[in-house]
N, C-alpha and C. Protein backbone atom coordinates (compact mmCIF):
# COMPACT_ATOMS: atom_id res chain seq x y z
N UNK A 1 0.67 -1.51 -0.17
CA UNK A 1 -0.34 -0.38 0.35
C UNK A 1 1.01 1.28 -0.24
N UNK A 2 0.45 1.74 -0.90
CA UNK A 2 1.40 3.83 -1.26
C UNK A 2 0.92 4.41 -0.35
N UNK A 3 1.40 5.03 0.39
CA UNK A 3 1.16 5.80 1.15
C UNK A 3 0.55 7.54 0.21
N UNK A 4 -0.62 8.41 0.53
CA UNK A 4 -0.23 9.06 0.05
C UNK A 4 -0.10 10.32 0.64
N UNK A 5 0.51 11.95 0.31
CA UNK A 5 0.38 12.60 1.00
C UNK A 5 -0.75 13.65 0.90
N UNK A 6 -1.27 14.43 1.75
CA UNK A 6 -2.39 14.92 1.95
C UNK A 6 -2.23 16.53 1.51
N UNK A 7 -1.85 16.88 0.95
CA UNK A 7 -2.08 18.77 0.57
C UNK A 7 -1.87 19.41 2.34
N UNK A 8 -0.49 20.05 3.05
CA UNK A 8 -1.55 21.08 3.88
C UNK A 8 -1.97 21.96 3.86
N UNK A 9 -3.25 21.74 4.76
CA UNK A 9 -4.12 22.93 4.77
C UNK A 9 -3.17 23.87 5.39
N UNK A 10 -4.20 25.62 4.82
CA UNK A 10 -3.82 26.47 5.28
C UNK A 10 -3.94 27.03 6.76
N UNK A 11 -3.55 26.77 7.53
CA UNK A 11 -4.50 27.20 8.97
C UNK A 11 -5.86 28.01 8.76
N UNK A 12 -6.81 27.82 8.90
CA UNK A 12 -8.01 28.71 8.77
C UNK A 12 -8.15 30.33 9.98
N UNK A 13 -8.28 31.21 9.67
CA UNK A 13 -8.44 32.25 10.58
C UNK A 13 -9.79 32.42 11.51
N UNK A 14 -9.87 31.75 12.91
CA UNK A 14 -10.66 31.85 13.08
C UNK A 14 -10.59 33.08 14.37
N UNK A 15 -9.47 33.94 14.45
CA UNK A 15 -9.95 35.64 14.64
C UNK A 15 -10.53 36.44 14.32
N UNK A 16 -11.61 36.86 15.49
CA UNK A 16 -12.47 37.43 15.23
C UNK A 16 -12.50 38.58 14.42
N UNK A 17 -12.81 39.55 13.69
CA UNK A 17 -12.56 40.58 12.43
C UNK A 17 -12.25 42.23 13.50
N UNK A 18 -11.32 42.57 13.12
CA UNK A 18 -10.72 44.01 14.64
C UNK A 18 -12.53 44.81 14.09
N UNK A 19 -11.42 45.03 15.07
CA UNK A 19 -12.92 46.46 15.35
C UNK A 19 -13.04 47.89 13.87
N UNK A 20 -12.22 47.68 13.64
CA UNK A 20 -12.23 48.49 12.52
C UNK A 20 -12.73 47.52 11.22
N UNK A 21 -12.75 46.43 11.20
CA UNK A 21 -13.71 45.47 9.88
C UNK A 21 -14.68 45.55 10.23
N UNK A 22 -14.98 45.40 11.25
CA UNK A 22 -16.41 45.45 12.26
C UNK A 22 -17.50 46.55 11.52
N UNK A 23 -16.48 47.58 11.90
CA UNK A 23 -17.05 49.17 11.64
C UNK A 23 -17.40 49.06 9.84
N UNK A 24 -16.04 48.58 9.50
CA UNK A 24 -16.52 49.18 8.06
C UNK A 24 -17.49 48.30 7.06
N UNK A 25 -18.13 47.29 8.39
CA UNK A 25 -18.55 46.02 7.39
C UNK A 25 -20.01 46.98 7.96
N UNK A 26 -20.45 47.33 9.08
CA UNK A 26 -21.74 48.36 9.24
C UNK A 26 -21.32 50.03 8.40
N UNK A 27 -19.98 50.19 8.36
CA UNK A 27 -20.42 51.77 7.60
C UNK A 27 -21.07 51.11 5.78
N UNK A 28 -20.56 50.01 5.67
CA UNK A 28 -20.94 49.70 3.99
C UNK A 28 -22.47 49.30 4.46
N UNK A 29 -22.88 48.25 4.69
CA UNK A 29 -24.39 48.41 5.46
C UNK A 29 -25.32 49.00 5.26
N UNK A 30 -24.75 50.47 5.93
CA UNK A 30 -25.62 51.35 6.41
C UNK A 30 -25.58 52.61 4.83
N UNK A 31 -24.45 52.37 4.37
CA UNK A 31 -24.49 53.36 3.48
C UNK A 31 -24.93 52.54 2.20
N UNK A 32 -25.41 50.94 1.49
CA UNK A 32 -26.17 50.85 0.95
C UNK A 32 -27.68 50.62 1.02
N UNK A 33 -28.04 50.38 2.24
CA UNK A 33 -29.31 51.60 2.62
C UNK A 33 -29.87 52.61 2.60
N UNK A 34 -28.90 53.49 2.48
CA UNK A 34 -28.79 55.03 2.24
C UNK A 34 -29.27 55.81 3.69
N UNK A 35 -28.68 55.29 4.49
CA UNK A 35 -28.81 55.75 5.82
C UNK A 35 -27.52 56.29 6.00
N UNK A 36 -26.99 57.56 5.88
CA UNK A 36 -26.02 58.62 5.88
C UNK A 36 -25.87 59.04 6.89
N UNK A 37 -27.07 59.44 7.55
CA UNK A 37 -26.78 60.03 8.83
C UNK A 37 -26.50 59.50 10.20
N UNK A 38 -26.98 58.24 10.04
CA UNK A 38 -26.51 56.95 11.14
C UNK A 38 -25.27 56.78 10.84
N UNK A 39 -24.57 56.46 9.43
CA UNK A 39 -23.33 56.84 8.85
C UNK A 39 -22.40 57.53 9.73
N UNK A 40 -22.37 58.43 9.31
CA UNK A 40 -21.76 59.84 9.70
C UNK A 40 -22.09 59.40 11.67
N UNK A 41 -22.98 59.04 12.00
CA UNK A 41 -22.74 59.58 13.10
C UNK A 41 -21.68 57.57 14.09
N UNK A 42 -21.91 56.87 13.36
CA UNK A 42 -21.08 55.66 13.41
C UNK A 42 -19.84 56.40 13.38
N UNK A 43 -19.00 57.19 12.24
CA UNK A 43 -18.02 57.54 12.19
C UNK A 43 -17.57 57.70 13.48
N UNK A 44 -18.44 59.27 13.72
CA UNK A 44 -18.25 59.83 14.92
C UNK A 44 -17.12 59.15 16.06
N UNK A 45 -18.60 58.79 16.23
CA UNK A 45 -18.49 57.37 17.50
C UNK A 45 -17.05 57.14 17.99
N UNK A 46 -16.66 56.00 16.16
CA UNK A 46 -15.86 55.49 16.18
C UNK A 46 -14.14 56.02 16.74
N UNK A 47 -14.49 57.12 15.93
CA UNK A 47 -13.34 58.54 16.32
C UNK A 47 -13.31 58.74 17.08
N UNK A 48 -14.01 59.38 18.42
CA UNK A 48 -13.74 59.47 19.65
C UNK A 48 -13.06 59.08 20.74
N UNK A 49 -13.38 57.20 20.39
CA UNK A 49 -11.84 55.96 21.00
C UNK A 49 -11.11 56.25 19.73
N UNK A 50 -10.73 55.77 18.99
CA UNK A 50 -9.84 56.06 18.07
C UNK A 50 -9.39 57.10 16.81
N UNK A 51 -8.92 57.82 17.37
CA UNK A 51 -8.89 59.39 15.82
C UNK A 51 -8.36 58.92 14.79
N UNK A 52 -7.09 57.66 14.64
CA UNK A 52 -6.92 57.55 13.45
C UNK A 52 -7.34 56.59 12.59
N UNK A 53 -8.66 56.12 12.71
CA UNK A 53 -9.24 55.05 11.64
C UNK A 53 -9.81 55.77 10.05
N UNK A 54 -9.44 55.21 9.86
CA UNK A 54 -9.61 55.30 7.98
C UNK A 54 -10.68 54.71 7.76
N UNK A 55 -11.77 55.32 7.18
CA UNK A 55 -12.98 54.88 6.66
C UNK A 55 -12.65 54.42 5.01
N UNK A 56 -13.70 53.76 4.87
CA UNK A 56 -14.18 54.29 2.88
C UNK A 56 -15.61 53.92 2.53
N UNK A 57 -16.15 54.67 1.96
CA UNK A 57 -15.49 56.09 1.34
C UNK A 57 -15.64 56.76 2.74
N UNK A 58 -14.87 57.68 2.47
CA UNK A 58 -14.68 59.20 3.61
C UNK A 58 -15.93 59.91 4.19
N UNK A 59 -15.45 60.61 4.84
CA UNK A 59 -16.80 60.76 6.08
C UNK A 59 -16.94 62.24 4.73
N UNK A 60 -16.24 62.66 4.67
CA UNK A 60 -16.22 64.27 2.98
C UNK A 60 -17.78 63.69 2.06
N UNK A 61 -16.93 62.23 1.62
CA UNK A 61 -17.91 61.57 0.75
C UNK A 61 -19.23 61.33 1.16
N UNK A 62 -19.07 60.69 2.35
CA UNK A 62 -20.64 60.08 3.00
C UNK A 62 -21.99 61.39 3.06
N UNK A 63 -20.85 62.94 3.36
CA UNK A 63 -21.63 64.13 3.65
C UNK A 63 -22.05 64.03 2.15
N UNK A 64 -21.53 64.03 1.40
CA UNK A 64 -21.82 64.80 -0.25
C UNK A 64 -22.84 64.03 -0.33
N UNK A 65 -22.91 62.53 -0.40
CA UNK A 65 -23.85 61.68 -0.47
C UNK A 65 -25.00 61.92 0.35
N UNK A 66 -25.38 62.22 1.42
CA UNK A 66 -25.98 63.02 2.72
C UNK A 66 -26.67 64.55 1.39
N UNK A 67 -25.60 64.99 0.75
CA UNK A 67 -26.26 66.55 0.33
C UNK A 67 -27.05 65.79 -0.38
N UNK A 68 -26.62 64.96 -1.89
CA UNK A 68 -27.50 64.48 -2.47
C UNK A 68 -28.46 63.78 -2.29
N UNK A 69 -28.91 63.36 -0.92
CA UNK A 69 -30.45 62.51 -0.65
C UNK A 69 -31.17 63.90 -0.39
N UNK A 70 -30.77 64.69 0.66
CA UNK A 70 -31.20 65.58 0.40
C UNK A 70 -31.71 67.05 -0.30
N UNK A 71 -31.53 66.95 -1.38
CA UNK A 71 -31.09 67.47 -2.29
C UNK A 71 -32.55 66.68 -3.21
N UNK A 72 -32.64 65.57 -3.74
CA UNK A 72 -33.51 64.71 -3.98
C UNK A 72 -34.53 64.76 -2.84
N UNK A 73 -34.83 65.44 -1.81
CA UNK A 73 -35.60 65.02 -0.87
C UNK A 73 -36.30 66.80 -1.26
N UNK A 74 -36.13 67.62 -1.24
CA UNK A 74 -35.91 68.49 -1.71
C UNK A 74 -36.27 69.76 -0.25
N UNK A 75 -35.08 68.99 0.27
CA UNK A 75 -34.67 70.03 1.49
C UNK A 75 -33.34 70.13 1.11
N UNK A 76 -33.70 71.32 0.79
CA UNK A 76 -32.58 72.42 0.28
C UNK A 76 -31.56 72.80 1.15
N UNK A 77 -32.56 73.57 2.50
CA UNK A 77 -31.77 73.99 3.35
C UNK A 77 -30.47 73.39 4.17
N UNK A 78 -30.87 72.25 4.51
CA UNK A 78 -30.22 70.85 5.04
C UNK A 78 -29.13 70.30 3.70
N UNK A 79 -29.57 70.90 2.60
CA UNK A 79 -28.83 69.61 1.75
C UNK A 79 -26.96 70.95 1.26
N UNK A 80 -27.68 72.42 1.61
CA UNK A 80 -26.94 72.93 1.41
C UNK A 80 -25.33 72.79 2.89
N UNK A 81 -25.78 72.76 3.71
CA UNK A 81 -25.29 72.66 5.03
C UNK A 81 -24.55 71.47 4.71
N UNK A 82 -24.92 70.28 4.30
CA UNK A 82 -24.46 68.97 4.19
C UNK A 82 -23.10 69.11 2.93
N UNK A 83 -23.82 69.58 1.68
CA UNK A 83 -22.82 69.56 0.92
C UNK A 83 -21.65 70.86 1.17
N UNK A 84 -21.69 71.92 2.07
CA UNK A 84 -20.48 72.83 2.39
C UNK A 84 -19.76 72.27 3.71
N UNK A 85 -20.59 71.28 4.81
CA UNK A 85 -19.80 70.15 5.04
C UNK A 85 -18.82 69.23 4.30
N UNK A 86 -18.86 68.79 2.98
CA UNK A 86 -17.81 68.09 2.39
C UNK A 86 -17.05 68.55 1.78
N UNK A 87 -16.87 70.12 1.53
CA UNK A 87 -16.30 70.74 0.91
C UNK A 87 -15.51 71.56 2.18
N UNK A 88 -16.03 71.81 3.41
CA UNK A 88 -15.11 72.20 4.74
C UNK A 88 -14.17 70.94 4.47
N UNK A 89 -14.53 69.55 4.78
CA UNK A 89 -13.55 68.55 4.73
C UNK A 89 -12.61 67.77 3.69
N UNK A 90 -12.55 68.87 2.75
CA UNK A 90 -11.50 68.46 1.81
C UNK A 90 -11.85 68.68 0.06
N UNK A 91 -13.57 67.54 0.58
CA UNK A 91 -14.13 67.23 -1.04
C UNK A 91 -13.68 68.08 -2.08
N UNK A 92 -13.53 68.05 -3.30
CA UNK A 92 -13.34 69.11 -4.01
C UNK A 92 -14.81 68.73 -5.47
N UNK A 93 -14.58 69.00 -6.12
CA UNK A 93 -15.76 68.84 -7.41
C UNK A 93 -17.53 69.13 -6.98
N UNK A 94 -17.46 67.24 -7.10
CA UNK A 94 -19.19 67.13 -7.50
C UNK A 94 -19.79 68.45 -6.50
N UNK A 95 -19.57 67.77 -5.09
CA UNK A 95 -20.10 68.92 -3.81
C UNK A 95 -20.48 70.67 -4.41
N UNK A 96 -19.28 70.79 -4.88
CA UNK A 96 -19.91 72.58 -5.67
C UNK A 96 -20.88 72.41 -6.93
N UNK A 97 -20.97 71.72 -7.86
CA UNK A 97 -22.07 71.37 -8.73
C UNK A 97 -23.14 71.77 -7.68
N UNK A 98 -23.49 70.32 -6.75
CA UNK A 98 -24.66 70.24 -5.57
C UNK A 98 -24.96 71.12 -5.26
N UNK A 99 -24.19 72.20 -4.99
CA UNK A 99 -24.70 73.77 -3.78
C UNK A 99 -25.01 74.31 -4.83
N UNK A 100 -24.85 74.18 -6.17
CA UNK A 100 -24.80 75.60 -7.33
C UNK A 100 -26.37 74.82 -7.35
N UNK A 101 -26.82 73.60 -7.88
CA UNK A 101 -28.28 73.53 -7.52
C UNK A 101 -29.26 73.60 -6.35
N UNK A 102 -28.78 73.39 -5.06
CA UNK A 102 -29.37 73.97 -3.84
C UNK A 102 -29.46 74.96 -4.09
N UNK A 103 -28.50 76.16 -4.10
CA UNK A 103 -28.65 77.44 -3.85
C UNK A 103 -29.63 77.83 -5.21
N UNK A 104 -29.58 77.28 -6.43
CA UNK A 104 -30.59 77.95 -7.44
C UNK A 104 -31.71 77.16 -6.90
N UNK A 105 -31.91 76.28 -6.19
CA UNK A 105 -33.66 75.88 -6.45
C UNK A 105 -33.97 76.93 -5.10
N UNK A 106 -33.44 77.51 -4.15
CA UNK A 106 -33.51 78.49 -2.84
C UNK A 106 -33.74 79.68 -3.64
N UNK A 107 -33.04 79.97 -5.16
CA UNK A 107 -32.72 81.18 -5.59
C UNK A 107 -32.19 82.09 -4.59
N UNK A 108 -30.96 81.46 -4.83
CA UNK A 108 -29.67 82.26 -3.81
C UNK A 108 -28.38 81.53 -4.33
N UNK A 109 -28.20 81.76 -5.36
CA UNK A 109 -27.06 81.92 -6.86
C UNK A 109 -26.06 82.40 -6.29
N UNK A 110 -26.71 83.73 -6.18
CA UNK A 110 -25.24 84.51 -5.40
C UNK A 110 -24.44 84.17 -3.76
N UNK A 111 -25.39 83.32 -3.46
CA UNK A 111 -24.53 82.97 -2.12
C UNK A 111 -23.55 82.09 -2.32
N UNK A 112 -23.03 81.46 -3.14
CA UNK A 112 -22.23 80.06 -3.43
C UNK A 112 -21.45 80.41 -2.86
N UNK A 113 -20.36 79.35 -2.52
CA UNK A 113 -18.99 79.40 -2.17
C UNK A 113 -17.86 80.19 -2.45
N UNK A 114 -17.32 80.95 -1.74
CA UNK A 114 -16.31 81.54 -1.77
C UNK A 114 -15.15 81.03 -2.80
N UNK A 115 -14.54 79.87 -2.93
CA UNK A 115 -13.69 79.21 -3.77
C UNK A 115 -14.89 78.02 -4.85
N UNK A 116 -15.70 78.49 -5.21
CA UNK A 116 -16.18 77.76 -6.32
C UNK A 116 -15.65 78.45 -7.01
N UNK A 117 -15.73 79.79 -7.33
CA UNK A 117 -14.75 80.31 -8.95
C UNK A 117 -13.88 79.61 -9.13
N UNK A 118 -12.93 79.43 -8.34
CA UNK A 118 -11.05 79.18 -8.33
C UNK A 118 -11.40 77.39 -9.47
N UNK A 119 -12.26 76.93 -8.43
CA UNK A 119 -12.68 75.41 -8.75
C UNK A 119 -13.16 75.62 -10.48
N UNK A 120 -14.27 76.09 -10.71
CA UNK A 120 -15.01 76.40 -12.12
C UNK A 120 -13.62 76.44 -13.35
N UNK A 121 -11.99 76.88 -12.51
CA UNK A 121 -11.52 77.55 -13.14
C UNK A 121 -10.32 76.13 -13.73
N UNK A 122 -10.52 75.36 -12.53
CA UNK A 122 -9.21 74.51 -12.82
C UNK A 122 -9.73 73.42 -14.54
N UNK A 123 -8.38 73.54 -14.58
CA UNK A 123 -8.32 72.37 -15.99
C UNK A 123 -9.19 71.34 -15.67
N UNK A 124 -8.67 70.40 -15.29
CA UNK A 124 -9.02 69.16 -14.65
C UNK A 124 -10.06 68.99 -14.45
N UNK A 125 -11.17 69.99 -13.96
CA UNK A 125 -12.60 69.47 -13.83
C UNK A 125 -13.21 69.92 -14.78
N UNK A 126 -12.96 70.87 -15.74
CA UNK A 126 -13.34 71.40 -16.19
C UNK A 126 -14.23 71.34 -17.06
N UNK A 127 -14.41 70.56 -18.26
CA UNK A 127 -15.12 70.10 -19.35
C UNK A 127 -16.27 69.37 -18.33
N UNK A 128 -16.40 68.49 -17.41
CA UNK A 128 -17.06 67.23 -17.03
C UNK A 128 -18.09 68.84 -15.78
N UNK A 129 -17.31 69.47 -14.91
CA UNK A 129 -18.98 70.06 -14.72
C UNK A 129 -18.72 71.61 -15.01
N UNK A 130 -17.93 72.21 -16.41
CA UNK A 130 -18.81 72.74 -16.93
C UNK A 130 -20.13 73.18 -17.88
N UNK A 131 -20.23 71.07 -18.01
CA UNK A 131 -21.87 70.35 -18.40
C UNK A 131 -22.16 70.96 -17.21
N UNK A 132 -22.15 70.26 -16.18
CA UNK A 132 -23.18 70.10 -15.47
C UNK A 132 -23.23 71.71 -14.40
N UNK A 133 -22.63 72.89 -14.83
CA UNK A 133 -22.89 74.18 -14.23
C UNK A 133 -23.77 74.67 -15.62
N UNK A 134 -23.76 74.42 -16.96
CA UNK A 134 -24.65 74.72 -17.75
C UNK A 134 -25.99 74.62 -17.79
N UNK A 135 -26.13 72.77 -17.62
CA UNK A 135 -27.23 73.04 -17.48
C UNK A 135 -27.90 73.57 -15.82
N UNK A 136 -27.93 73.96 -15.02
CA UNK A 136 -27.37 74.30 -14.00
C UNK A 136 -27.94 75.94 -14.72
N UNK A 137 -27.26 76.81 -15.41
CA UNK A 137 -27.60 78.08 -15.13
C UNK A 137 -28.74 77.87 -16.46
N UNK A 138 -28.74 76.79 -17.51
CA UNK A 138 -30.15 77.18 -18.57
C UNK A 138 -31.11 77.06 -17.73
N UNK A 139 -31.30 76.24 -16.43
CA UNK A 139 -32.29 75.69 -15.68
C UNK A 139 -33.18 76.98 -15.05
N UNK A 140 -31.64 77.78 -14.19
CA UNK A 140 -31.88 78.58 -13.84
C UNK A 140 -32.96 79.98 -14.41
N UNK A 141 -31.80 80.47 -16.06
CA UNK A 141 -32.70 80.76 -17.09
C UNK A 141 -33.88 80.84 -17.51
N UNK A 142 -34.59 79.31 -17.38
CA UNK A 142 -35.90 79.11 -17.72
C UNK A 142 -37.02 79.12 -16.41
N UNK A 143 -35.91 79.80 -15.18
CA UNK A 143 -36.66 80.22 -13.87
C UNK A 143 -36.64 81.74 -14.30
N UNK A 144 -36.09 82.29 -15.13
CA UNK A 144 -35.65 83.77 -15.08
C UNK A 144 -36.95 84.47 -15.97
N UNK A 145 -37.07 83.75 -16.58
CA UNK A 145 -37.44 84.30 -17.73
C UNK A 145 -39.10 83.95 -18.00
N UNK A 146 -39.31 83.11 -17.13
CA UNK A 146 -41.27 82.75 -16.25
C UNK A 146 -41.79 84.21 -16.09
């Protein structure tokens, strides 16, 4: 009888997931359910005990998602606040567009963020966001011509 050697099994990790992995999984679950307010609350709670934790998507990106959700629900004032928070946390690009749409919906386009003018001049984003801005301006003109 010939003995066969069985391949060595890799030891399975029965170690429980780390607190960051648990939190990341919980965060992803909340994002799939579009519970952005709760996701932000979980991030803030976790950062109190561990300020160095890193999340994907970032807190700024979740503020953007929340702002877009509030805009779609016609809660323009709250969307304005959320989008400005995304900008304050360093997220550029898309929050400027949504903020312009919010301000337009509230008839306050003159109150755009001070750095938005510089943003629109940047060549890297100009084509895409210029198109989006043109769409917003076209809507504004239609409202003004009524």
